[in-house]
Amino acid sequence: MIRRLPLLALTAALASACVTLPKVNEDGSSEVRLGQKANLGGPVVTVMKVLEDSRCPMEARCAWAGRVRLRVRIQLGSGTRLSELASDQPLPVADGTLELLGTMPPRSTQRTIAPGDYRFALKFSGGL
């Protein structure tokens, strides 16, 4: 049993570092959660933090739809960089574009969204 503990610890560490292939939506975007590493068919992207979520709550009428801004880590063959990705501005990455096409769940005036509940529809277009 004692010999198995290091093997179990190593297995757990390797599993936590794995890159996932996220669920692909009909529009070609991939569903990614906070902290999840996802291969988007070129760059490997990790959503690190929600910097802004000013979307209009579903119970309100707003003159502006609002936006979402994320801190993302982008890994390419040439290295890793931290960037800001906004729902209203595609981000140039290598010879392609990274886009934030959607954010779930919708904002509400009734509750705050917990970080673990966020899901983001990300899409990379282009090639490396």
Protein backbone atom coordinates (compact mmCIF):
# COMPACT_ATOMS: atom_id res chain seq x y z
CA MET A 1 0.00 0.00 0.00
CA ILE A 2 2.81 2.41 0.86
CA ARG A 3 4.41 1.88 -2.58
CA ARG A 4 1.12 2.76 -4.31
CA LEU A 5 0.83 6.20 -2.68
CA PRO A 6 3.59 7.82 -4.79
CA LEU A 7 2.08 6.28 -7.93
CA LEU A 8 -1.38 7.59 -7.05
CA ALA A 9 0.02 11.06 -6.33
CA LEU A 10 1.86 11.08 -9.67
CA THR A 11 -1.26 9.93 -11.52
CA ALA A 12 -3.36 12.67 -9.90
CA ALA A 13 -0.77 15.33 -10.74
CA LEU A 14 -0.60 14.24 -14.39
CA ALA A 15 -4.39 14.14 -14.69
CA SER A 16 -4.75 17.68 -13.35
CA ALA A 17 -2.30 18.98 -15.97
CA CYS A 18 -4.16 17.38 -18.88
CA VAL A 19 -5.48 19.41 -21.75
CA THR A 20 -9.12 18.67 -22.42
CA LEU A 21 -10.99 18.57 -25.67
CA PRO A 22 -14.00 20.70 -24.77
CA LYS A 23 -17.57 20.18 -25.92
CA VAL A 24 -18.00 21.66 -29.42
CA ASN A 25 -21.16 23.68 -30.06
CA GLU A 26 -23.10 23.91 -33.35
CA ASP A 27 -21.40 27.24 -34.22
CA GLY A 28 -17.96 25.61 -33.98
CA SER A 29 -17.19 27.18 -30.61
CA SER A 30 -15.92 25.13 -27.68
CA GLU A 31 -17.35 25.24 -24.16
CA VAL A 32 -14.65 26.07 -21.60
CA ARG A 33 -14.84 26.59 -17.82
CA LEU A 34 -12.66 28.72 -15.56
CA GLY A 35 -9.29 27.05 -15.01
CA GLN A 36 -9.86 24.47 -17.78
CA LYS A 37 -7.08 24.00 -20.35
CA ALA A 38 -8.63 23.50 -23.77
CA ASN A 39 -7.10 22.71 -27.13
CA LEU A 40 -9.00 24.89 -29.61
CA GLY A 41 -7.45 23.42 -32.73
CA GLY A 42 -4.32 25.54 -32.56
CA PRO A 43 -3.66 27.36 -29.33
CA VAL A 44 -4.24 25.79 -25.94
CA VAL A 45 -6.31 28.30 -23.97
CA THR A 46 -6.96 28.47 -20.23
CA VAL A 47 -9.55 30.93 -18.91
CA MET A 48 -7.87 32.30 -15.78
CA LYS A 49 -10.25 34.96 -14.46
CA VAL A 50 -13.41 36.94 -15.21
CA LEU A 51 -12.28 40.58 -15.27
CA GLU A 52 -15.68 42.06 -16.14
CA ASP A 53 -19.21 40.78 -16.56
CA SER A 54 -21.36 43.79 -17.37
CA ARG A 55 -23.97 41.88 -19.38
CA CYS A 56 -27.53 43.12 -19.04
CA PRO A 57 -29.39 40.98 -16.44
CA MET A 58 -32.15 38.86 -17.99
CA GLU A 59 -34.83 40.61 -15.85
CA ALA A 60 -33.78 44.12 -16.97
CA ARG A 61 -34.07 46.32 -20.03
CA CYS A 62 -30.76 47.82 -20.97
CA ALA A 63 -29.63 50.32 -23.59
CA TRP A 64 -26.34 48.40 -23.90
CA ALA A 65 -25.97 44.61 -23.94
CA GLY A 66 -22.77 44.84 -21.88
CA ARG A 67 -19.70 42.69 -22.28
CA VAL A 68 -17.49 40.06 -20.69
CA ARG A 69 -13.71 40.42 -20.34
CA LEU A 70 -11.50 37.46 -19.44
CA ARG A 71 -7.86 36.94 -18.50
CA VAL A 72 -6.66 34.01 -20.62
CA ARG A 73 -3.42 32.07 -20.90
CA ILE A 74 -2.57 31.20 -24.50
CA GLN A 75 -0.04 28.47 -25.20
CA LEU A 76 1.49 28.17 -28.65
CA GLY A 77 4.52 26.33 -29.93
CA SER A 78 6.42 29.61 -29.58
CA GLY A 79 5.57 30.06 -25.90
CA THR A 80 2.91 31.18 -23.45
CA ARG A 81 1.33 34.59 -22.92
CA LEU A 82 -1.38 36.14 -20.77
CA SER A 83 -3.93 38.21 -22.65
CA GLU A 84 -7.28 39.86 -22.22
CA LEU A 85 -10.18 38.53 -24.31
CA ALA A 86 -13.39 40.54 -24.57
CA SER A 87 -16.76 39.52 -25.99
CA ASP A 88 -16.80 42.65 -28.16
CA GLN A 89 -13.27 42.35 -29.57
CA PRO A 90 -11.65 39.31 -31.22
CA LEU A 91 -8.03 38.68 -30.19
CA PRO A 92 -5.34 38.09 -32.84
CA VAL A 93 -3.43 34.88 -32.02
CA ALA A 94 -0.61 33.68 -34.28
CA ASP A 95 -2.13 33.76 -37.78
CA GLY A 96 -5.70 33.41 -36.52
CA THR A 97 -8.31 34.93 -34.23
CA LEU A 98 -9.63 33.90 -30.81
CA GLU A 99 -13.22 34.94 -30.07
CA LEU A 100 -15.48 34.85 -27.03
CA LEU A 101 -18.86 34.08 -28.62
CA GLY A 102 -20.94 33.54 -25.49
CA THR A 103 -21.05 33.33 -21.71
CA MET A 104 -23.34 31.21 -19.55
CA PRO A 105 -25.25 31.35 -17.31
CA PRO A 106 -27.10 34.59 -18.06
CA ARG A 107 -26.68 37.40 -15.52
CA SER A 108 -29.53 37.89 -13.10
CA THR A 109 -30.54 40.55 -10.60
CA GLN A 110 -31.60 37.71 -8.27
CA ARG A 111 -28.22 36.02 -7.74
CA THR A 112 -24.48 36.32 -8.21
CA ILE A 113 -22.76 33.88 -10.54
CA ALA A 114 -20.23 31.70 -8.73
CA PRO A 115 -16.89 31.42 -10.56
CA GLY A 116 -17.32 27.65 -10.99
CA ASP A 117 -20.67 28.14 -12.73
CA TYR A 118 -19.28 30.15 -15.65
CA ARG A 119 -18.98 28.52 -19.09
CA PHE A 120 -17.54 30.32 -22.10
CA ALA A 121 -18.00 29.64 -25.82
CA LEU A 122 -14.55 30.18 -27.36
CA LYS A 123 -13.62 29.81 -31.02
CA PHE A 124 -10.27 29.89 -32.76
CA SER A 125 -10.32 30.59 -36.49
CA GLY A 126 -7.20 30.32 -38.60
CA GLY A 127 -4.26 28.02 -38.66
CA LEU A 128 -0.88 27.74 -37.08
